[in-house]
All heavy atoms as atom14 arrays in JSON, in Angstrom:
{
  "sequence": "AILFNHESPRRGLSFITRKITHAAVNIKLGLAQE",
  "atom14_mask": [
    [1, 1, 1, 1, 1, 0, 0, 0, 0, 0, 0, 0, 0, 0],
    [1, 1, 1, 1, 1, 1, 1, 1, 0, 0, 0, 0, 0, 0],
    [1, 1, 1, 1, 1, 1, 1, 1, 0, 0, 0, 0, 0, 0],
    [1, 1, 1, 1, 1, 1, 1, 1, 1, 1, 1, 0, 0, 0],
    [1, 1, 1, 1, 1, 1, 1, 1, 0, 0, 0, 0, 0, 0],
    [1, 1, 1, 1, 1, 1, 1, 1, 1, 1, 0, 0, 0, 0],
    [1, 1, 1, 1, 1, 1, 1, 1, 1, 0, 0, 0, 0, 0],
    [1, 1, 1, 1, 1, 1, 0, 0, 0, 0, 0, 0, 0, 0],
    [1, 1, 1, 1, 1, 1, 1, 0, 0, 0, 0, 0, 0, 0],
    [1, 1, 1, 1, 1, 1, 1, 1, 1, 1, 1, 0, 0, 0],
    [1, 1, 1, 1, 1, 1, 1, 1, 1, 1, 1, 0, 0, 0],
    [1, 1, 1, 1, 0, 0, 0, 0, 0, 0, 0, 0, 0, 0],
    [1, 1, 1, 1, 1, 1, 1, 1, 0, 0, 0, 0, 0, 0],
    [1, 1, 1, 1, 1, 1, 0, 0, 0, 0, 0, 0, 0, 0],
    [1, 1, 1, 1, 1, 1, 1, 1, 1, 1, 1, 0, 0, 0],
    [1, 1, 1, 1, 1, 1, 1, 1, 0, 0, 0, 0, 0, 0],
    [1, 1, 1, 1, 1, 1, 1, 0, 0, 0, 0, 0, 0, 0],
    [1, 1, 1, 1, 1, 1, 1, 1, 1, 1, 1, 0, 0, 0],
    [1, 1, 1, 1, 1, 1, 1, 1, 1, 0, 0, 0, 0, 0],
    [1, 1, 1, 1, 1, 1, 1, 1, 0, 0, 0, 0, 0, 0],
    [1, 1, 1, 1, 1, 1, 1, 0, 0, 0, 0, 0, 0, 0],
    [1, 1, 1, 1, 1, 1, 1, 1, 1, 1, 0, 0, 0, 0],
    [1, 1, 1, 1, 1, 0, 0, 0, 0, 0, 0, 0, 0, 0],
    [1, 1, 1, 1, 1, 0, 0, 0, 0, 0, 0, 0, 0, 0],
    [1, 1, 1, 1, 1, 1, 1, 0, 0, 0, 0, 0, 0, 0],
    [1, 1, 1, 1, 1, 1, 1, 1, 0, 0, 0, 0, 0, 0],
    [1, 1, 1, 1, 1, 1, 1, 1, 0, 0, 0, 0, 0, 0],
    [1, 1, 1, 1, 1, 1, 1, 1, 1, 0, 0, 0, 0, 0],
    [1, 1, 1, 1, 1, 1, 1, 1, 0, 0, 0, 0, 0, 0],
    [1, 1, 1, 1, 0, 0, 0, 0, 0, 0, 0, 0, 0, 0],
    [1, 1, 1, 1, 1, 1, 1, 1, 0, 0, 0, 0, 0, 0],
    [1, 1, 1, 1, 1, 0, 0, 0, 0, 0, 0, 0, 0, 0],
    [1, 1, 1, 1, 1, 1, 1, 1, 1, 0, 0, 0, 0, 0],
    [1, 1, 1, 1, 1, 1, 1, 1, 1, 0, 0, 0, 0, 0]
  ],
  "atom14_positions": [
    [[-3.69, -20.32, 14.36], [-4.5, -18.99, 14.37], [-4.91, -18.77, 12.95], [-4.14, -18.44, 11.96], [-3.54, -17.91, 14.7], [0.0, 0.0, 0.0], [0.0, 0.0, 0.0], [0.0, 0.0, 0.0], [0.0, 0.0, 0.0], [0.0, 0.0, 0.0], [0.0, 0.0, 0.0], [0.0, 0.0, 0.0], [0.0, 0.0, 0.0], [0.0, 0.0, 0.0]],
    [[-6.2, -18.85, 12.53], [-6.8, -18.79, 11.3], [-6.99, -17.19, 11.04], [-7.86, -16.65, 11.59], [-8.12, -19.32, 11.26], [-7.91, -20.88, 11.56], [-8.66, -19.34, 9.81], [-9.3, -21.66, 11.62], [0.0, 0.0, 0.0], [0.0, 0.0, 0.0], [0.0, 0.0, 0.0], [0.0, 0.0, 0.0], [0.0, 0.0, 0.0], [0.0, 0.0, 0.0]],
    [[-5.93, -16.56, 10.49], [-5.82, -15.15, 10.35], [-6.53, -14.67, 9.18], [-6.29, -15.1, 8.04], [-4.38, -14.8, 10.27], [-3.38, -15.2, 11.39], [-2.03, -14.8, 11.21], [-3.89, -14.57, 12.74], [0.0, 0.0, 0.0], [0.0, 0.0, 0.0], [0.0, 0.0, 0.0], [0.0, 0.0, 0.0], [0.0, 0.0, 0.0], [0.0, 0.0, 0.0]],
    [[-7.39, -13.8, 9.35], [-8.05, -12.97, 8.16], [-7.05, -11.84, 7.9], [-5.95, -11.64, 8.4], [-9.45, -12.5, 8.54], [-10.47, -13.57, 8.42], [-10.43, -14.75, 9.16], [-11.35, -13.44, 7.43], [-11.43, -15.69, 9.07], [-12.33, -14.46, 7.27], [-12.45, -15.52, 8.15], [0.0, 0.0, 0.0], [0.0, 0.0, 0.0], [0.0, 0.0, 0.0]],
    [[-7.39, -11.27, 6.63], [-6.41, -10.26, 6.26], [-5.97, -9.21, 7.17], [-6.8, -8.67, 7.89], [-7.17, -9.5, 4.97], [-7.4, -10.32, 3.83], [-8.3, -11.26, 3.99], [-6.7, -10.07, 2.64], [0.0, 0.0, 0.0], [0.0, 0.0, 0.0], [0.0, 0.0, 0.0], [0.0, 0.0, 0.0], [0.0, 0.0, 0.0], [0.0, 0.0, 0.0]],
    [[-4.62, -9.02, 7.27], [-4.18, -8.08, 8.33], [-3.07, -7.32, 7.67], [-2.15, -7.89, 7.02], [-3.8, -8.86, 9.58], [-2.94, -9.95, 9.43], [-3.37, -11.1, 8.9], [-1.54, -10.19, 9.76], [-2.39, -12.08, 8.8], [-1.26, -11.46, 9.43], [0.0, 0.0, 0.0], [0.0, 0.0, 0.0], [0.0, 0.0, 0.0], [0.0, 0.0, 0.0]],
    [[-2.93, -6.06, 7.91], [-2.05, -5.21, 7.19], [-1.38, -4.26, 8.28], [-1.63, -4.3, 9.46], [-2.77, -4.26, 6.2], [-3.91, -4.99, 5.43], [-3.28, -6.06, 4.49], [-2.18, -5.89, 4.02], [-4.05, -7.14, 4.3], [0.0, 0.0, 0.0], [0.0, 0.0, 0.0], [0.0, 0.0, 0.0], [0.0, 0.0, 0.0], [0.0, 0.0, 0.0]],
    [[-0.39, -3.5, 7.79], [0.42, -2.64, 8.7], [1.27, -1.78, 7.78], [1.56, -2.13, 6.51], [1.11, -3.38, 9.67], [2.3, -3.98, 9.07], [0.0, 0.0, 0.0], [0.0, 0.0, 0.0], [0.0, 0.0, 0.0], [0.0, 0.0, 0.0], [0.0, 0.0, 0.0], [0.0, 0.0, 0.0], [0.0, 0.0, 0.0], [0.0, 0.0, 0.0]],
    [[2.09, -0.81, 8.31], [3.1, -0.11, 7.55], [4.12, -1.04, 7.02], [4.96, -0.69, 6.15], [3.48, 0.89, 8.56], [2.42, 1.25, 9.38], [1.82, -0.15, 9.5], [0.0, 0.0, 0.0], [0.0, 0.0, 0.0], [0.0, 0.0, 0.0], [0.0, 0.0, 0.0], [0.0, 0.0, 0.0], [0.0, 0.0, 0.0], [0.0, 0.0, 0.0]],
    [[4.33, -2.24, 7.72], [5.44, -3.09, 7.42], [4.94, -4.16, 6.21], [5.72, -5.0, 5.92], [5.84, -3.88, 8.56], [6.27, -2.95, 9.76], [6.68, -3.69, 11.06], [6.89, -2.75, 12.02], [7.13, -3.04, 13.33], [7.26, -4.45, 13.64], [7.43, -2.26, 14.22], [0.0, 0.0, 0.0], [0.0, 0.0, 0.0], [0.0, 0.0, 0.0]],
    [[3.77, -4.0, 5.74], [3.29, -4.84, 4.71], [4.11, -4.68, 3.29], [4.49, -3.52, 3.15], [1.93, -4.6, 4.48], [1.13, -5.42, 3.43], [1.38, -6.92, 3.56], [0.16, -7.54, 4.1], [0.15, -8.84, 4.5], [1.31, -9.51, 4.41], [-0.88, -9.57, 4.86], [0.0, 0.0, 0.0], [0.0, 0.0, 0.0], [0.0, 0.0, 0.0]],
    [[4.34, -5.63, 2.65], [5.07, -5.57, 1.3], [4.3, -5.06, 0.31], [3.08, -4.93, 0.29], [0.0, 0.0, 0.0], [0.0, 0.0, 0.0], [0.0, 0.0, 0.0], [0.0, 0.0, 0.0], [0.0, 0.0, 0.0], [0.0, 0.0, 0.0], [0.0, 0.0, 0.0], [0.0, 0.0, 0.0], [0.0, 0.0, 0.0], [0.0, 0.0, 0.0]],
    [[5.03, -4.36, -0.66], [4.34, -3.6, -1.8], [3.5, -4.54, -2.71], [2.77, -4.07, -3.51], [5.43, -2.82, -2.58], [6.1, -1.69, -1.83], [7.25, -1.13, -2.7], [5.01, -0.6, -1.58], [0.0, 0.0, 0.0], [0.0, 0.0, 0.0], [0.0, 0.0, 0.0], [0.0, 0.0, 0.0], [0.0, 0.0, 0.0], [0.0, 0.0, 0.0]],
    [[3.64, -5.85, -2.65], [2.89, -6.65, -3.53], [1.38, -6.85, -3.03], [0.63, -7.34, -3.86], [3.51, -8.05, -3.62], [3.42, -8.69, -2.37], [0.0, 0.0, 0.0], [0.0, 0.0, 0.0], [0.0, 0.0, 0.0], [0.0, 0.0, 0.0], [0.0, 0.0, 0.0], [0.0, 0.0, 0.0], [0.0, 0.0, 0.0], [0.0, 0.0, 0.0]],
    [[1.15, -6.4, -1.87], [-0.18, -6.53, -1.26], [-0.97, -5.18, -1.59], [-0.5, -4.08, -1.58], [-0.24, -6.77, 0.26], [0.27, -8.1, 0.61], [1.63, -8.43, 0.52], [-0.55, -9.05, 0.96], [2.08, -9.65, 0.8], [-0.26, -10.45, 1.27], [1.19, -10.66, 1.11], [0.0, 0.0, 0.0], [0.0, 0.0, 0.0], [0.0, 0.0, 0.0]],
    [[-2.37, -5.43, -1.87], [-3.05, -4.35, -2.42], [-3.22, -2.99, -1.56], [-3.23, -1.83, -2.02], [-4.47, -4.76, -2.85], [-5.12, -3.66, -3.74], [-5.27, -5.11, -1.7], [-6.46, -4.09, -4.45], [0.0, 0.0, 0.0], [0.0, 0.0, 0.0], [0.0, 0.0, 0.0], [0.0, 0.0, 0.0], [0.0, 0.0, 0.0], [0.0, 0.0, 0.0]],
    [[-3.22, -3.29, -0.28], [-3.36, -2.19, 0.67], [-2.14, -1.29, 0.62], [-2.18, -0.02, 0.5], [-3.59, -2.63, 2.07], [-2.59, -3.59, 2.4], [-5.08, -3.22, 2.3], [0.0, 0.0, 0.0], [0.0, 0.0, 0.0], [0.0, 0.0, 0.0], [0.0, 0.0, 0.0], [0.0, 0.0, 0.0], [0.0, 0.0, 0.0], [0.0, 0.0, 0.0]],
    [[-1.05, -1.92, 0.64], [0.3, -1.1, 0.67], [0.44, -0.53, -0.73], [0.98, 0.49, -0.9], [1.45, -2.0, 1.06], [2.81, -1.36, 1.09], [3.02, -0.52, 2.29], [4.14, 0.37, 2.18], [5.44, -0.09, 2.21], [5.69, -1.19, 2.32], [6.37, 0.83, 1.93], [0.0, 0.0, 0.0], [0.0, 0.0, 0.0], [0.0, 0.0, 0.0]],
    [[0.06, -1.22, -1.77], [0.17, -0.76, -3.11], [-0.59, 0.54, -3.2], [-0.18, 1.5, -3.81], [-0.44, -1.88, -4.12], [-0.23, -1.44, -5.55], [-0.77, -2.52, -6.51], [-0.05, -3.86, -6.26], [-0.44, -4.94, -7.24], [0.0, 0.0, 0.0], [0.0, 0.0, 0.0], [0.0, 0.0, 0.0], [0.0, 0.0, 0.0], [0.0, 0.0, 0.0]],
    [[-1.75, 0.5, -2.6], [-2.68, 1.82, -2.63], [-1.98, 2.98, -1.85], [-1.95, 4.12, -2.5], [-4.09, 1.49, -2.04], [-4.73, 0.58, -3.01], [-4.81, 2.75, -1.84], [-6.1, -0.01, -2.41], [0.0, 0.0, 0.0], [0.0, 0.0, 0.0], [0.0, 0.0, 0.0], [0.0, 0.0, 0.0], [0.0, 0.0, 0.0], [0.0, 0.0, 0.0]],
    [[-1.55, 2.71, -0.66], [-0.92, 3.84, 0.13], [0.3, 4.39, -0.39], [0.62, 5.53, -0.5], [-0.77, 3.45, 1.65], [0.18, 2.33, 1.72], [-2.06, 2.97, 2.17], [0.0, 0.0, 0.0], [0.0, 0.0, 0.0], [0.0, 0.0, 0.0], [0.0, 0.0, 0.0], [0.0, 0.0, 0.0], [0.0, 0.0, 0.0], [0.0, 0.0, 0.0]],
    [[1.14, 3.39, -0.93], [2.3, 3.88, -1.73], [2.1, 4.64, -2.81], [2.74, 5.72, -3.19], [3.14, 2.62, -2.02], [4.47, 2.89, -2.64], [4.75, 2.72, -3.9], [5.61, 3.1, -2.06], [5.95, 3.03, -4.27], [6.6, 3.25, -3.11], [0.0, 0.0, 0.0], [0.0, 0.0, 0.0], [0.0, 0.0, 0.0], [0.0, 0.0, 0.0]],
    [[1.07, 4.11, -3.69], [0.74, 5.0, -4.97], [0.19, 6.35, -4.63], [0.4, 7.35, -5.17], [-0.27, 4.17, -5.76], [0.0, 0.0, 0.0], [0.0, 0.0, 0.0], [0.0, 0.0, 0.0], [0.0, 0.0, 0.0], [0.0, 0.0, 0.0], [0.0, 0.0, 0.0], [0.0, 0.0, 0.0], [0.0, 0.0, 0.0], [0.0, 0.0, 0.0]],
    [[-0.64, 6.39, -3.53], [-1.29, 7.62, -3.08], [-0.24, 8.78, -2.7], [-0.42, 9.85, -3.11], [-2.23, 7.46, -2.03], [0.0, 0.0, 0.0], [0.0, 0.0, 0.0], [0.0, 0.0, 0.0], [0.0, 0.0, 0.0], [0.0, 0.0, 0.0], [0.0, 0.0, 0.0], [0.0, 0.0, 0.0], [0.0, 0.0, 0.0], [0.0, 0.0, 0.0]],
    [[0.81, 8.26, -2.06], [1.86, 9.21, -1.64], [2.6, 9.6, -2.85], [2.96, 10.85, -2.93], [2.81, 8.51, -0.65], [4.14, 9.23, -0.54], [2.08, 8.31, 0.72], [0.0, 0.0, 0.0], [0.0, 0.0, 0.0], [0.0, 0.0, 0.0], [0.0, 0.0, 0.0], [0.0, 0.0, 0.0], [0.0, 0.0, 0.0], [0.0, 0.0, 0.0]],
    [[2.97, 8.7, -3.78], [3.67, 9.09, -4.98], [2.85, 10.04, -5.76], [3.43, 10.99, -6.44], [3.98, 7.84, -5.82], [5.12, 7.15, -5.27], [5.89, 7.61, -4.47], [5.31, 5.81, -5.67], [0.0, 0.0, 0.0], [0.0, 0.0, 0.0], [0.0, 0.0, 0.0], [0.0, 0.0, 0.0], [0.0, 0.0, 0.0], [0.0, 0.0, 0.0]],
    [[1.55, 9.84, -5.98], [0.74, 10.8, -6.69], [0.65, 12.18, -5.89], [0.83, 13.16, -6.5], [-0.75, 10.28, -6.77], [-0.74, 9.02, -7.68], [-1.61, 11.43, -7.25], [-2.01, 8.26, -7.74], [0.0, 0.0, 0.0], [0.0, 0.0, 0.0], [0.0, 0.0, 0.0], [0.0, 0.0, 0.0], [0.0, 0.0, 0.0], [0.0, 0.0, 0.0]],
    [[0.59, 12.17, -4.66], [0.62, 13.44, -3.89], [1.93, 14.2, -4.16], [1.96, 15.39, -4.21], [0.54, 13.09, -2.47], [0.57, 14.38, -1.44], [-0.57, 15.35, -1.58], [-0.49, 16.33, -0.7], [-1.77, 17.34, -0.73], [0.0, 0.0, 0.0], [0.0, 0.0, 0.0], [0.0, 0.0, 0.0], [0.0, 0.0, 0.0], [0.0, 0.0, 0.0]],
    [[3.06, 13.51, -4.24], [4.36, 14.12, -4.35], [4.77, 14.34, -5.93], [5.84, 14.7, -6.18], [5.47, 13.24, -3.72], [5.44, 12.98, -2.35], [6.41, 12.08, -1.67], [5.4, 14.29, -1.54], [0.0, 0.0, 0.0], [0.0, 0.0, 0.0], [0.0, 0.0, 0.0], [0.0, 0.0, 0.0], [0.0, 0.0, 0.0], [0.0, 0.0, 0.0]],
    [[3.79, 14.04, -6.84], [3.93, 14.26, -8.25], [4.83, 13.22, -8.86], [5.36, 13.46, -10.0], [0.0, 0.0, 0.0], [0.0, 0.0, 0.0], [0.0, 0.0, 0.0], [0.0, 0.0, 0.0], [0.0, 0.0, 0.0], [0.0, 0.0, 0.0], [0.0, 0.0, 0.0], [0.0, 0.0, 0.0], [0.0, 0.0, 0.0], [0.0, 0.0, 0.0]],
    [[5.07, 12.14, -8.31], [5.93, 11.01, -8.7], [5.17, 10.01, -9.53], [5.73, 9.1, -10.17], [6.61, 10.26, -7.67], [7.51, 11.24, -6.75], [8.04, 10.43, -5.54], [8.64, 11.8, -7.6], [0.0, 0.0, 0.0], [0.0, 0.0, 0.0], [0.0, 0.0, 0.0], [0.0, 0.0, 0.0], [0.0, 0.0, 0.0], [0.0, 0.0, 0.0]],
    [[3.81, 10.1, -9.68], [3.05, 9.22, -10.37], [1.7, 9.99, -10.66], [1.33, 10.99, -10.01], [2.66, 7.97, -9.63], [0.0, 0.0, 0.0], [0.0, 0.0, 0.0], [0.0, 0.0, 0.0], [0.0, 0.0, 0.0], [0.0, 0.0, 0.0], [0.0, 0.0, 0.0], [0.0, 0.0, 0.0], [0.0, 0.0, 0.0], [0.0, 0.0, 0.0]],
    [[0.97, 9.48, -11.73], [-0.27, 10.21, -12.12], [-1.54, 9.43, -11.79], [-2.55, 10.03, -11.64], [-0.31, 10.43, -13.69], [0.72, 11.67, -14.04], [2.22, 11.23, -13.88], [2.63, 10.2, -14.33], [2.98, 12.17, -13.21], [0.0, 0.0, 0.0], [0.0, 0.0, 0.0], [0.0, 0.0, 0.0], [0.0, 0.0, 0.0], [0.0, 0.0, 0.0]],
    [[-1.43, 8.15, -11.86], [-2.67, 7.37, -11.56], [-2.38, 5.97, -10.97], [-1.23, 5.52, -10.92], [-3.38, 7.2, -12.93], [-2.69, 6.26, -13.98], [-3.7, 6.04, -15.14], [-4.74, 6.6, -15.35], [-3.37, 5.02, -15.92], [0.0, 0.0, 0.0], [0.0, 0.0, 0.0], [0.0, 0.0, 0.0], [0.0, 0.0, 0.0], [0.0, 0.0, 0.0]]
  ]
}
């Protein structure tokens, strides 16, 4: 199966999609600035 990029809530934090969603939540909660 020649898989193109695929993501999910179970994706590791080293991947850019999860890095973005994780950072967005931290910013929303005041745990990060940028």
